[in-house]
Amino acid sequence: MTTLKFKSTIKCTGCIATVSPELNNLSGITHWEVDLESPDRVLTVESESGDPKQVISALQAVGYQAELLPKP
């Protein structure tokens, strides 16, 4: 299991509702959440594949951007 963190343009609960179907339908994603309190709106994804491209593409498909954050 891999934890990926992204800086995102997801800003509110309405945005979360928009991206939910996309992220929920990605294979290998076991859990995801967005920290709306963070200035970077950090999206944390638990993934079996560890492929950030699928997450970025899914968000772009519904008009949002995500940038993979470096691991601490």
PDB file of N, CA and C in Angstrom:
ATOM      1  N   MET A   1       0.846  -1.176   0.000  1.00  0.00           N
ATOM      2  CA  MET A   1       0.000   0.000   0.000  1.00  0.00           C
ATOM      3  C   MET A   1       0.888   1.235   0.000  1.00  0.00           C
ATOM      4  N   THR A   2       0.539   2.181  -0.846  1.00  0.00           N
ATOM      5  CA  THR A   2       1.296   3.417  -0.972  1.00  0.00           C
ATOM      6  C   THR A   2       0.412   4.601  -0.622  1.00  0.00           C
ATOM      7  N   THR A   3       0.955   5.552   0.121  1.00  0.00           N
ATOM      8  CA  THR A   3       0.245   6.790   0.417  1.00  0.00           C
ATOM      9  C   THR A   3       0.803   7.890  -0.473  1.00  0.00           C
ATOM     10  N   LEU A   4      -0.080   8.498  -1.255  1.00  0.00           N
ATOM     11  CA  LEU A   4       0.294   9.598  -2.136  1.00  0.00           C
ATOM     12  C   LEU A   4      -0.365  10.866  -1.620  1.00  0.00           C
ATOM     13  N   LYS A   5       0.368  11.972  -1.674  1.00  0.00           N
ATOM     14  CA  LYS A   5      -0.186  13.263  -1.258  1.00  0.00           C
ATOM     15  C   LYS A   5      -0.042  14.241  -2.412  1.00  0.00           C
ATOM     16  N   PHE A   6      -1.121  14.988  -2.649  1.00  0.00           N
ATOM     17  CA  PHE A   6      -1.162  15.933  -3.750  1.00  0.00           C
ATOM     18  C   PHE A   6      -1.601  17.302  -3.260  1.00  0.00           C
ATOM     19  N   LYS A   7      -1.008  18.344  -3.816  1.00  0.00           N
ATOM     20  CA  LYS A   7      -1.540  19.693  -3.683  1.00  0.00           C
ATOM     21  C   LYS A   7      -2.656  19.765  -4.721  1.00  0.00           C
ATOM     22  N   SER A   8      -3.844  20.215  -4.311  1.00  0.00           N
ATOM     23  CA  SER A   8      -4.975  20.173  -5.237  1.00  0.00           C
ATOM     24  C   SER A   8      -5.722  21.501  -5.299  1.00  0.00           C
ATOM     25  N   THR A   9      -6.612  21.595  -6.279  1.00  0.00           N
ATOM     26  CA  THR A   9      -7.485  22.767  -6.413  1.00  0.00           C
ATOM     27  C   THR A   9      -8.892  22.451  -5.908  1.00  0.00           C
ATOM     28  N   ILE A  10      -9.028  21.412  -5.106  1.00  0.00           N
ATOM     29  CA  ILE A  10     -10.304  21.053  -4.485  1.00  0.00           C
ATOM     30  C   ILE A  10     -10.501  21.985  -3.296  1.00  0.00           C
ATOM     31  N   LYS A  11     -11.550  22.825  -3.330  1.00  0.00           N
ATOM     32  CA  LYS A  11     -11.667  23.892  -2.333  1.00  0.00           C
ATOM     33  C   LYS A  11     -12.821  23.768  -1.352  1.00  0.00           C
ATOM     34  N   CYS A  12     -13.803  22.919  -1.650  1.00  0.00           N
ATOM     35  CA  CYS A  12     -14.995  22.892  -0.798  1.00  0.00           C
ATOM     36  C   CYS A  12     -15.667  21.523  -0.866  1.00  0.00           C
ATOM     37  N   THR A  13     -16.717  21.363  -0.075  1.00  0.00           N
ATOM     38  CA  THR A  13     -17.439  20.085  -0.084  1.00  0.00           C
ATOM     39  C   THR A  13     -18.125  19.842  -1.420  1.00  0.00           C
ATOM     40  N   GLY A  14     -18.514  20.906  -2.106  1.00  0.00           N
ATOM     41  CA  GLY A  14     -19.099  20.746  -3.446  1.00  0.00           C
ATOM     42  C   GLY A  14     -18.076  20.184  -4.423  1.00  0.00           C
ATOM     43  N   CYS A  15     -16.836  20.635  -4.302  1.00  0.00           N
ATOM     44  CA  CYS A  15     -15.748  20.112  -5.130  1.00  0.00           C
ATOM     45  C   CYS A  15     -15.524  18.621  -4.826  1.00  0.00           C
ATOM     46  N   ILE A  16     -15.567  18.296  -3.546  1.00  0.00           N
ATOM     47  CA  ILE A  16     -15.391  16.897  -3.150  1.00  0.00           C
ATOM     48  C   ILE A  16     -16.494  16.034  -3.762  1.00  0.00           C
ATOM     49  N   ALA A  17     -17.714  16.543  -3.764  1.00  0.00           N
ATOM     50  CA  ALA A  17     -18.826  15.801  -4.368  1.00  0.00           C
ATOM     51  C   ALA A  17     -18.593  15.583  -5.858  1.00  0.00           C
ATOM     52  N   THR A  18     -17.962  16.545  -6.519  1.00  0.00           N
ATOM     53  CA  THR A  18     -17.689  16.419  -7.950  1.00  0.00           C
ATOM     54  C   THR A  18     -16.609  15.384  -8.236  1.00  0.00           C
ATOM     55  N   VAL A  19     -15.551  15.367  -7.426  1.00  0.00           N
ATOM     56  CA  VAL A  19     -14.448  14.440  -7.693  1.00  0.00           C
ATOM     57  C   VAL A  19     -14.693  13.040  -7.122  1.00  0.00           C
ATOM     58  N   SER A  20     -15.624  12.913  -6.197  1.00  0.00           N
ATOM     59  CA  SER A  20     -15.867  11.611  -5.552  1.00  0.00           C
ATOM     60  C   SER A  20     -16.118  10.473  -6.531  1.00  0.00           C
ATOM     61  N   PRO A  21     -17.022  10.622  -7.507  1.00  0.00           N
ATOM     62  CA  PRO A  21     -17.243   9.496  -8.425  1.00  0.00           C
ATOM     63  C   PRO A  21     -15.975   9.102  -9.191  1.00  0.00           C
ATOM     64  N   GLU A  22     -15.185  10.089  -9.573  1.00  0.00           N
ATOM     65  CA  GLU A  22     -13.950   9.797 -10.312  1.00  0.00           C
ATOM     66  C   GLU A  22     -12.953   9.023  -9.449  1.00  0.00           C
ATOM     67  N   LEU A  23     -12.715   9.516  -8.246  1.00  0.00           N
ATOM     68  CA  LEU A  23     -11.733   8.864  -7.371  1.00  0.00           C
ATOM     69  C   LEU A  23     -12.242   7.521  -6.859  1.00  0.00           C
ATOM     70  N   ASN A  24     -13.533   7.427  -6.588  1.00  0.00           N
ATOM     71  CA  ASN A  24     -14.097   6.169  -6.095  1.00  0.00           C
ATOM     72  C   ASN A  24     -14.051   5.066  -7.142  1.00  0.00           C
ATOM     73  N   ASN A  25     -14.035   5.436  -8.421  1.00  0.00           N
ATOM     74  CA  ASN A  25     -14.029   4.444  -9.493  1.00  0.00           C
ATOM     75  C   ASN A  25     -12.635   4.031  -9.943  1.00  0.00           C
ATOM     76  N   LEU A  26     -11.599   4.636  -9.389  1.00  0.00           N
ATOM     77  CA  LEU A  26     -10.240   4.252  -9.764  1.00  0.00           C
ATOM     78  C   LEU A  26      -9.885   2.912  -9.131  1.00  0.00           C
ATOM     79  N   SER A  27      -9.351   2.016  -9.940  1.00  0.00           N
ATOM     80  CA  SER A  27      -8.956   0.720  -9.393  1.00  0.00           C
ATOM     81  C   SER A  27      -7.705   0.884  -8.546  1.00  0.00           C
ATOM     82  N   GLY A  28      -7.659   0.172  -7.456  1.00  0.00           N
ATOM     83  CA  GLY A  28      -6.496   0.194  -6.578  1.00  0.00           C
ATOM     84  C   GLY A  28      -6.528   1.264  -5.501  1.00  0.00           C
ATOM     85  N   ILE A  29      -7.519   2.171  -5.547  1.00  0.00           N
ATOM     86  CA  ILE A  29      -7.636   3.202  -4.523  1.00  0.00           C
ATOM     87  C   ILE A  29      -8.486   2.639  -3.390  1.00  0.00           C
ATOM     88  N   THR A  30      -7.902   2.573  -2.199  1.00  0.00           N
ATOM     89  CA  THR A  30      -8.641   2.008  -1.072  1.00  0.00           C
ATOM     90  C   THR A  30      -9.251   3.085  -0.173  1.00  0.00           C
ATOM     91  N   HIS A  31      -8.640   4.279  -0.176  1.00  0.00           N
ATOM     92  CA  HIS A  31      -9.141   5.374   0.655  1.00  0.00           C
ATOM     93  C   HIS A  31      -8.564   6.677   0.128  1.00  0.00           C
ATOM     94  N   TRP A  32      -9.344   7.739   0.236  1.00  0.00           N
ATOM     95  CA  TRP A  32      -8.833   9.072  -0.104  1.00  0.00           C
ATOM     96  C   TRP A  32      -9.554  10.103   0.745  1.00  0.00           C
ATOM     97  N   GLU A  33      -8.896  11.242   0.960  1.00  0.00           N
ATOM     98  CA  GLU A  33      -9.508  12.342   1.706  1.00  0.00           C
ATOM     99  C   GLU A  33      -8.804  13.642   1.338  1.00  0.00           C
ATOM    100  N   VAL A  34      -9.518  14.738   1.521  1.00  0.00           N
ATOM    101  CA  VAL A  34      -8.971  16.062   1.238  1.00  0.00           C
ATOM    102  C   VAL A  34      -8.987  16.878   2.519  1.00  0.00           C
ATOM    103  N   ASP A  35      -7.867  17.516   2.817  1.00  0.00           N
ATOM    104  CA  ASP A  35      -7.768  18.414   3.969  1.00  0.00           C
ATOM    105  C   ASP A  35      -8.131  19.820   3.497  1.00  0.00           C
ATOM    106  N   LEU A  36      -9.382  20.207   3.683  1.00  0.00           N
ATOM    107  CA  LEU A  36      -9.846  21.516   3.244  1.00  0.00           C
ATOM    108  C   LEU A  36      -9.300  22.647   4.109  1.00  0.00           C
ATOM    109  N   GLU A  37      -8.743  22.334   5.268  1.00  0.00           N
ATOM    110  CA  GLU A  37      -8.154  23.340   6.150  1.00  0.00           C
ATOM    111  C   GLU A  37      -6.738  23.714   5.712  1.00  0.00           C
ATOM    112  N   SER A  38      -6.085  22.843   4.984  1.00  0.00           N
ATOM    113  CA  SER A  38      -4.726  23.091   4.521  1.00  0.00           C
ATOM    114  C   SER A  38      -4.749  24.113   3.385  1.00  0.00           C
ATOM    115  N   PRO A  39      -3.802  25.052   3.374  1.00  0.00           N
ATOM    116  CA  PRO A  39      -3.753  26.016   2.267  1.00  0.00           C
ATOM    117  C   PRO A  39      -3.504  25.345   0.919  1.00  0.00           C
ATOM    118  N   ASP A  40      -2.871  24.168   0.931  1.00  0.00           N
ATOM    119  CA  ASP A  40      -2.612  23.432  -0.306  1.00  0.00           C
ATOM    120  C   ASP A  40      -3.725  22.447  -0.655  1.00  0.00           C
ATOM    121  N   ARG A  41      -4.780  22.408   0.184  1.00  0.00           N
ATOM    122  CA  ARG A  41      -5.900  21.479  -0.033  1.00  0.00           C
ATOM    123  C   ARG A  41      -5.363  20.079  -0.350  1.00  0.00           C
ATOM    124  N   VAL A  42      -4.602  19.555   0.594  1.00  0.00           N
ATOM    125  CA  VAL A  42      -3.892  18.297   0.384  1.00  0.00           C
ATOM    126  C   VAL A  42      -4.866  17.126   0.240  1.00  0.00           C
ATOM    127  N   LEU A  43      -4.722  16.449  -0.885  1.00  0.00           N
ATOM    128  CA  LEU A  43      -5.463  15.220  -1.179  1.00  0.00           C
ATOM    129  C   LEU A  43      -4.546  14.059  -0.832  1.00  0.00           C
ATOM    130  N   THR A  44      -4.978  13.199   0.087  1.00  0.00           N
ATOM    131  CA  THR A  44      -4.217  12.016   0.480  1.00  0.00           C
ATOM    132  C   THR A  44      -4.926  10.790  -0.083  1.00  0.00           C
ATOM    133  N   VAL A  45      -4.169   9.957  -0.785  1.00  0.00           N
ATOM    134  CA  VAL A  45      -4.731   8.778  -1.451  1.00  0.00           C
ATOM    135  C   VAL A  45      -3.967   7.545  -1.004  1.00  0.00           C
ATOM    136  N   GLU A  46      -4.696   6.526  -0.557  1.00  0.00           N
ATOM    137  CA  GLU A  46      -4.112   5.210  -0.270  1.00  0.00           C
ATOM    138  C   GLU A  46      -4.320   4.366  -1.522  1.00  0.00           C
ATOM    139  N   SER A  47      -3.217   3.921  -2.119  1.00  0.00           N
ATOM    140  CA  SER A  47      -3.298   3.234  -3.404  1.00  0.00           C
ATOM    141  C   SER A  47      -2.502   1.939  -3.387  1.00  0.00           C
ATOM    142  N   GLU A  48      -3.063   0.926  -4.017  1.00  0.00           N
ATOM    143  CA  GLU A  48      -2.348  -0.334  -4.166  1.00  0.00           C
ATOM    144  C   GLU A  48      -1.300  -0.223  -5.263  1.00  0.00           C
ATOM    145  N   SER A  49      -1.595   0.548  -6.300  1.00  0.00           N
ATOM    146  CA  SER A  49      -0.676   0.655  -7.434  1.00  0.00           C
ATOM    147  C   SER A  49       0.412   1.698  -7.201  1.00  0.00           C
ATOM    148  N   GLY A  50       0.097   2.752  -6.448  1.00  0.00           N
ATOM    149  CA  GLY A  50       1.074   3.809  -6.219  1.00  0.00           C
ATOM    150  C   GLY A  50       1.318   4.690  -7.428  1.00  0.00           C
ATOM    151  N   ASP A  51       0.382   4.686  -8.395  1.00  0.00           N
ATOM    152  CA  ASP A  51       0.545   5.460  -9.622  1.00  0.00           C
ATOM    153  C   ASP A  51      -0.144   6.819  -9.502  1.00  0.00           C
ATOM    154  N   PRO A  52       0.616   7.892  -9.353  1.00  0.00           N
ATOM    155  CA  PRO A  52      -0.011   9.206  -9.207  1.00  0.00           C
ATOM    156  C   PRO A  52      -0.693   9.700 -10.476  1.00  0.00           C
ATOM    157  N   LYS A  53      -0.263   9.196 -11.632  1.00  0.00           N
ATOM    158  CA  LYS A  53      -0.822   9.669 -12.905  1.00  0.00           C
ATOM    159  C   LYS A  53      -2.315   9.398 -13.009  1.00  0.00           C
ATOM    160  N   GLN A  54      -2.768   8.259 -12.482  1.00  0.00           N
ATOM    161  CA  GLN A  54      -4.194   7.949 -12.589  1.00  0.00           C
ATOM    162  C   GLN A  54      -5.034   8.918 -11.763  1.00  0.00           C
ATOM    163  N   VAL A  55      -4.525   9.345 -10.620  1.00  0.00           N
ATOM    164  CA  VAL A  55      -5.235  10.306  -9.776  1.00  0.00           C
ATOM    165  C   VAL A  55      -5.271  11.671 -10.454  1.00  0.00           C
ATOM    166  N   ILE A  56      -4.127  12.117 -10.958  1.00  0.00           N
ATOM    167  CA  ILE A  56      -4.048  13.407 -11.637  1.00  0.00           C
ATOM    168  C   ILE A  56      -4.976  13.436 -12.849  1.00  0.00           C
ATOM    169  N   SER A  57      -4.986  12.374 -13.634  1.00  0.00           N
ATOM    170  CA  SER A  57      -5.851  12.303 -14.818  1.00  0.00           C
ATOM    171  C   SER A  57      -7.326  12.318 -14.441  1.00  0.00           C
ATOM    172  N   ALA A  58      -7.685  11.603 -13.384  1.00  0.00           N
ATOM    173  CA  ALA A  58      -9.083  11.555 -12.949  1.00  0.00           C
ATOM    174  C   ALA A  58      -9.558  12.939 -12.519  1.00  0.00           C
ATOM    175  N   LEU A  59      -8.720  13.675 -11.812  1.00  0.00           N
ATOM    176  CA  LEU A  59      -9.094  15.020 -11.386  1.00  0.00           C
ATOM    177  C   LEU A  59      -9.176  15.970 -12.571  1.00  0.00           C
ATOM    178  N   GLN A  60      -8.235  15.865 -13.501  1.00  0.00           N
ATOM    179  CA  GLN A  60      -8.261  16.723 -14.675  1.00  0.00           C
ATOM    180  C   GLN A  60      -9.515  16.491 -15.511  1.00  0.00           C
ATOM    181  N   ALA A  61     -10.018  15.266 -15.515  1.00  0.00           N
ATOM    182  CA  ALA A  61     -11.218  14.931 -16.292  1.00  0.00           C
ATOM    183  C   ALA A  61     -12.444  15.706 -15.817  1.00  0.00           C
ATOM    184  N   VAL A  62     -12.438  16.130 -14.557  1.00  0.00           N
ATOM    185  CA  VAL A  62     -13.574  16.894 -14.023  1.00  0.00           C
ATOM    186  C   VAL A  62     -13.187  18.333 -13.674  1.00  0.00           C
ATOM    187  N   GLY A  63     -12.051  18.794 -14.217  1.00  0.00           N
ATOM    188  CA  GLY A  63     -11.692  20.203 -14.112  1.00  0.00           C
ATOM    189  C   GLY A  63     -10.866  20.624 -12.916  1.00  0.00           C
ATOM    190  N   TYR A  64     -10.207  19.694 -12.257  1.00  0.00           N
ATOM    191  CA  TYR A  64      -9.372  20.020 -11.106  1.00  0.00           C
ATOM    192  C   TYR A  64      -7.917  19.675 -11.403  1.00  0.00           C
ATOM    193  N   GLN A  65      -7.031  20.330 -10.675  1.00  0.00           N
ATOM    194  CA  GLN A  65      -5.591  20.084 -10.835  1.00  0.00           C
ATOM    195  C   GLN A  65      -5.035  19.445  -9.568  1.00  0.00           C
ATOM    196  N   ALA A  66      -4.003  18.652  -9.751  1.00  0.00           N
ATOM    197  CA  ALA A  66      -3.306  18.051  -8.613  1.00  0.00           C
ATOM    198  C   ALA A  66      -1.840  17.940  -8.961  1.00  0.00           C
ATOM    199  N   GLU A  67      -1.016  18.200  -7.960  1.00  0.00           N
ATOM    200  CA  GLU A  67       0.431  18.112  -8.114  1.00  0.00           C
ATOM    201  C   GLU A  67       0.962  17.224  -7.013  1.00  0.00           C
ATOM    202  N   LEU A  68       1.686  16.186  -7.396  1.00  0.00           N
ATOM    203  CA  LEU A  68       2.234  15.250  -6.412  1.00  0.00           C
ATOM    204  C   LEU A  68       3.225  15.975  -5.513  1.00  0.00           C
ATOM    205  N   LEU A  69       3.039  15.830  -4.219  1.00  0.00           N
ATOM    206  CA  LEU A  69       3.947  16.428  -3.244  1.00  0.00           C
ATOM    207  C   LEU A  69       5.095  15.449  -2.956  1.00  0.00           C
ATOM    208  N   PRO A  70       6.293  15.974  -2.760  1.00  0.00           N
ATOM    209  CA  PRO A  70       7.413  15.074  -2.431  1.00  0.00           C
ATOM    210  C   PRO A  70       7.196  14.415  -1.079  1.00  0.00           C
ATOM    211  N   LYS A  71       7.709  13.202  -0.957  1.00  0.00           N
ATOM    212  CA  LYS A  71       7.601  12.489   0.319  1.00  0.00           C
ATOM    213  C   LYS A  71       8.515  13.149   1.337  1.00  0.00           C
ATOM    214  N   PRO A  72       8.035  13.264   2.593  1.00  0.00           N
ATOM    215  CA  PRO A  72       8.852  13.921   3.634  1.00  0.00           C
ATOM    216  C   PRO A  72      10.070  13.092   3.993  1.00  0.00           C
TER     217      PRO A  72
END
